[in-house]
C-alpha cells in the first residue's frame, strides 16, 4: 500500500509540473517540449529529488491531517468529553481525558482493553471515556444497543458497565445481542429493564451521537 501511495504522489507531482507548463501561454510548443525534456532528464539523473519532494509532500499532508483532527476535536469537544451519553471510568475528575470509540467485535479493541486497564492503574488521574461505535455488522449494533441500556441503569459510577464491557471484549467469537444480554445478566442487572430500554430513544440518540 505504501508503494502505491508513493507512485500516486509521483504521478501527482508530474501532473503538477505538466499543468504549470501548460499554463505558460507565452511559450511556444517547441519551448514547452524542450523544458519537459530538461525536467525529465534532470529527474532521471537525480531521482533523489523526487524522494525529497515526496517526503516533503507527505510531511505537509501529515501536518494538515493533524490540524484537521485538532479542529474536529475542538468542534466536538462537548460531545467527546462531557456528554451524558457515554460512560466515564477511572477518575471522573482526572486531568487527562482518554476517549475510546470501540466495537465489541473489533480485534484491536479487544487487545487495547488490557492497555486501557493498565493505564488506569498506572495513572490515578486518568479519566477514560467509553463510546459505543458499532461498525462491524448487525451483531455489533445489537451488542452496542445492549451496552447503552446497561449504561442507562448503571448507578455505580461506571463499575457495572466496565464489568459488562470487559466480559464482552475478553470473550471469544462473534458478539451479538445474545452474548451481550448474557453478559448483562452475569453482572446482575435488571434484565426486564434492559429489554424495555433497548427500544428507547436514549439508545438511538446515544449511538447517533457517537457516529
Protein backbone atom coordinates (compact mmCIF):
# COMPACT_ATOMS: atom_id res chain seq x y z
CA UNK A 1 0.00 0.00 0.00
CA UNK A 2 2.85 2.35 0.83
CA UNK A 3 4.40 1.76 -2.62
CA UNK A 4 1.12 2.57 -4.35
CA UNK A 5 0.77 5.76 -2.32
CA UNK A 6 4.23 6.85 -3.35
CA UNK A 7 3.53 6.12 -7.01
CA UNK A 8 0.38 8.17 -6.75
CA UNK A 9 2.33 11.06 -5.24
CA UNK A 10 4.93 10.87 -8.01
CA UNK A 11 2.13 10.96 -10.56
CA UNK A 12 0.56 13.96 -8.83
CA UNK A 13 3.91 15.76 -8.83
CA UNK A 14 4.49 15.15 -12.54
CA UNK A 15 0.95 16.25 -13.33
CA UNK A 16 1.55 19.44 -11.39
CA UNK A 17 4.69 20.12 -13.42
CA UNK A 18 2.81 19.46 -16.62
CA UNK A 19 -0.05 21.74 -15.56
CA UNK A 20 2.37 24.54 -14.76
CA UNK A 21 3.94 24.22 -18.17
CA UNK A 22 0.54 24.16 -19.83
CA UNK A 23 -0.43 27.48 -18.23
CA UNK A 24 2.59 29.24 -19.69
CA UNK A 25 0.61 30.74 -22.57
CA UNK A 26 3.54 32.75 -23.88
CA UNK A 27 5.65 29.63 -24.56
CA UNK A 28 5.76 28.03 -27.95
CA UNK A 29 5.22 24.30 -28.37
CA UNK A 30 8.92 23.82 -29.03
CA UNK A 31 9.85 25.68 -25.84
CA UNK A 32 7.50 23.59 -23.74
CA UNK A 33 8.83 20.40 -25.29
CA UNK A 34 12.38 21.45 -24.53
CA UNK A 35 11.55 22.30 -20.91
CA UNK A 36 9.78 18.97 -20.47
CA UNK A 37 12.85 17.19 -21.87
CA UNK A 38 15.15 19.06 -19.49
CA UNK A 39 12.93 18.31 -16.47
CA UNK A 40 12.69 14.64 -17.42
CA UNK A 41 16.44 14.26 -17.88
CA UNK A 42 17.11 16.06 -14.62
CA UNK A 43 14.75 13.81 -12.66
CA UNK A 44 16.20 10.67 -14.24
CA UNK A 45 19.72 11.77 -13.30
CA UNK A 46 18.67 12.94 -9.84
CA UNK A 47 15.84 10.64 -8.69
CA UNK A 48 16.55 11.59 -5.08
CA UNK A 49 14.83 14.90 -5.86
CA UNK A 50 11.58 13.00 -6.29
CA UNK A 51 12.16 11.24 -2.98
CA UNK A 52 12.75 14.59 -1.28
CA UNK A 53 9.65 16.07 -2.88
CA UNK A 54 7.54 13.08 -1.85
CA UNK A 55 8.89 13.22 1.71
CA UNK A 56 8.05 16.92 1.93
CA UNK A 57 4.58 16.34 0.49
CA UNK A 58 3.91 13.53 2.98
CA UNK A 59 5.11 15.77 5.80
CA UNK A 60 2.76 18.55 4.75
CA UNK A 61 -0.12 16.10 4.38
CA UNK A 62 0.54 14.72 7.86
CA UNK A 63 0.56 18.22 9.34
CA UNK A 64 -2.66 19.10 7.51
CA UNK A 65 -4.30 15.87 8.73
CA UNK A 66 -3.23 16.53 12.33
CA UNK A 67 -4.60 20.08 12.12
CA UNK A 68 -7.88 18.74 10.74
CA UNK A 69 -8.12 16.31 13.67
CA UNK A 70 -7.44 19.10 16.16
CA UNK A 71 -10.21 21.21 14.65
CA UNK A 72 -12.58 18.22 14.75
CA UNK A 73 -11.81 17.60 18.43
CA UNK A 74 -12.31 21.29 19.25
CA UNK A 75 -15.59 21.50 17.32
CA UNK A 76 -16.92 18.35 19.02
CA UNK A 77 -15.37 18.83 22.46
CA UNK A 78 -18.67 18.87 24.33
CA UNK A 79 -19.85 15.57 22.82
CA UNK A 80 -16.41 13.99 23.10
CA UNK A 81 -15.63 14.83 26.72
CA UNK A 82 -18.77 15.96 28.54
CA UNK A 83 -21.75 14.22 27.01
CA UNK A 84 -24.25 12.48 29.27
CA UNK A 85 -24.47 9.71 26.67
CA UNK A 86 -21.20 7.94 27.35
CA UNK A 87 -19.56 6.08 30.21
CA UNK A 88 -16.73 7.54 32.30
CA UNK A 89 -14.43 5.19 34.20
CA UNK A 90 -11.19 5.81 36.01
CA UNK A 91 -11.06 9.21 37.71
CA UNK A 92 -14.15 11.25 36.72
CA UNK A 93 -12.26 14.43 37.69
CA UNK A 94 -8.97 13.38 36.10
CA UNK A 95 -6.65 15.83 34.41
CA UNK A 96 -6.18 13.71 31.25
CA UNK A 97 -9.02 12.52 29.03
CA UNK A 98 -8.70 9.20 27.20
CA UNK A 99 -11.59 8.77 24.74
CA UNK A 100 -12.14 5.40 23.09
CA UNK A 101 -14.64 4.59 20.36
CA UNK A 102 -15.00 0.82 20.27
CA UNK A 103 -16.83 -2.07 18.64
CA UNK A 104 -17.30 -5.29 20.61
CA UNK A 105 -16.28 -7.31 17.55
CA UNK A 106 -13.11 -5.31 16.90
CA UNK A 107 -9.94 -7.35 17.43
CA UNK A 108 -7.87 -4.21 18.06
CA UNK A 109 -10.38 -3.07 20.69
CA UNK A 110 -10.12 -6.42 22.42
CA UNK A 111 -6.31 -6.15 22.63
CA UNK A 112 -6.46 -2.47 23.64
CA UNK A 113 -8.63 -3.22 26.67
CA UNK A 114 -5.69 -4.57 28.66
CA UNK A 115 -3.65 -1.46 27.83
CA UNK A 116 -6.52 0.78 28.92
CA UNK A 117 -6.85 -1.02 32.26
CA UNK A 118 -3.08 -0.82 32.78
CA UNK A 119 -3.13 2.92 32.08
CA UNK A 120 -5.92 3.41 34.60
CA UNK A 121 -3.90 1.57 37.25
CA UNK A 122 -0.72 3.49 36.43
CA UNK A 123 -2.34 6.94 36.41
CA UNK A 124 -4.92 7.64 39.12
CA UNK A 125 -5.74 10.95 37.40
CA UNK A 126 -6.75 9.35 34.09
CA UNK A 127 -10.35 9.92 33.01
CA UNK A 128 -11.49 7.31 30.47
CA UNK A 129 -14.49 7.97 28.24
CA UNK A 130 -16.01 4.93 26.51
CA UNK A 131 -18.23 5.35 23.44
CA UNK A 132 -20.12 2.62 21.64
CA UNK A 133 -19.22 2.69 17.94
CA UNK A 134 -20.72 -0.38 16.23
CA UNK A 135 -19.38 -0.52 12.67
CA UNK A 136 -18.71 -4.24 12.12
CA UNK A 137 -22.16 -5.55 11.30
CA UNK A 138 -25.55 -6.30 12.82
CA UNK A 139 -24.11 -8.23 15.77
CA UNK A 140 -22.02 -5.23 16.77
CA UNK A 141 -25.07 -2.95 16.57
CA UNK A 142 -27.11 -5.33 18.74
CA UNK A 143 -24.36 -5.52 21.36
CA UNK A 144 -23.90 -1.75 21.35
CA UNK A 145 -27.60 -1.21 21.96
CA UNK A 146 -27.43 -3.54 24.96
CA UNK A 147 -24.34 -1.65 26.11
CA UNK A 148 -26.22 1.66 26.10
CA UNK A 149 -29.08 0.02 28.02
CA UNK A 150 -26.53 -1.21 30.58
CA UNK A 151 -25.18 2.31 30.93
CA UNK A 152 -28.71 3.67 31.46
CA UNK A 153 -29.24 1.65 34.65
CA UNK A 154 -25.69 1.63 36.00
CA UNK A 155 -25.67 3.81 39.11
CA UNK A 156 -22.28 2.60 40.31
CA UNK A 157 -20.13 5.22 38.57
CA UNK A 158 -19.43 3.02 35.57
CA UNK A 159 -18.31 -0.04 37.54
CA UNK A 160 -21.13 -2.31 36.36
CA UNK A 161 -20.71 -1.10 32.80
CA UNK A 162 -16.95 -1.70 32.90
CA UNK A 163 -17.56 -5.22 34.18
CA UNK A 164 -20.01 -5.82 31.30
CA UNK A 165 -17.54 -4.20 28.87
CA UNK A 166 -14.69 -6.47 29.96
CA UNK A 167 -16.79 -9.61 29.69
CA UNK A 168 -17.69 -8.89 26.08
CA UNK A 169 -14.25 -7.76 24.94
CA UNK A 170 -12.47 -10.60 26.74
CA UNK A 171 -14.67 -13.28 25.19
CA UNK A 172 -14.02 -15.29 22.04
CA UNK A 173 -16.17 -15.47 18.95
CA UNK A 174 -18.74 -13.14 17.45
CA UNK A 175 -20.55 -10.79 19.82
CA UNK A 176 -24.27 -10.21 19.26
CA UNK A 177 -27.40 -9.46 21.27
CA UNK A 178 -27.49 -12.89 22.92
CA UNK A 179 -23.88 -12.59 24.11
CA UNK A 180 -24.47 -9.04 25.35
CA UNK A 181 -27.67 -9.98 27.17
CA UNK A 182 -25.87 -12.90 28.85
CA UNK A 183 -23.06 -10.56 29.99
CA UNK A 184 -25.56 -8.04 31.36
CA UNK A 185 -27.27 -10.82 33.31
CA UNK A 186 -23.94 -12.03 34.71
CA UNK A 187 -23.15 -8.63 36.17
CA UNK A 188 -26.52 -8.57 37.96
CA UNK A 189 -28.57 -6.04 36.00
CA UNK A 190 -32.34 -5.80 35.72
CA UNK A 191 -32.99 -7.79 32.53
CA UNK A 192 -36.63 -6.71 32.19
CA UNK A 193 -35.49 -3.11 32.18
CA UNK A 194 -32.72 -3.90 29.69
CA UNK A 195 -35.31 -5.24 27.26
CA UNK A 196 -37.52 -2.17 27.75
CA UNK A 197 -34.64 0.26 27.32
CA UNK A 198 -33.47 -1.35 24.08
CA UNK A 199 -36.37 0.29 22.27
CA UNK A 200 -35.88 3.70 23.86
CA UNK A 201 -34.94 6.96 22.15
CA UNK A 202 -31.97 7.20 24.50
CA UNK A 203 -30.34 4.14 22.92
CA UNK A 204 -30.89 5.52 19.42
CA UNK A 205 -29.69 9.02 20.30
CA UNK A 206 -26.58 7.70 22.08
CA UNK A 207 -25.43 5.76 19.03
CA UNK A 208 -26.28 8.63 16.71
CA UNK A 209 -24.13 10.94 18.84
CA UNK A 210 -21.16 8.57 18.66
CA UNK A 211 -21.40 8.35 14.88
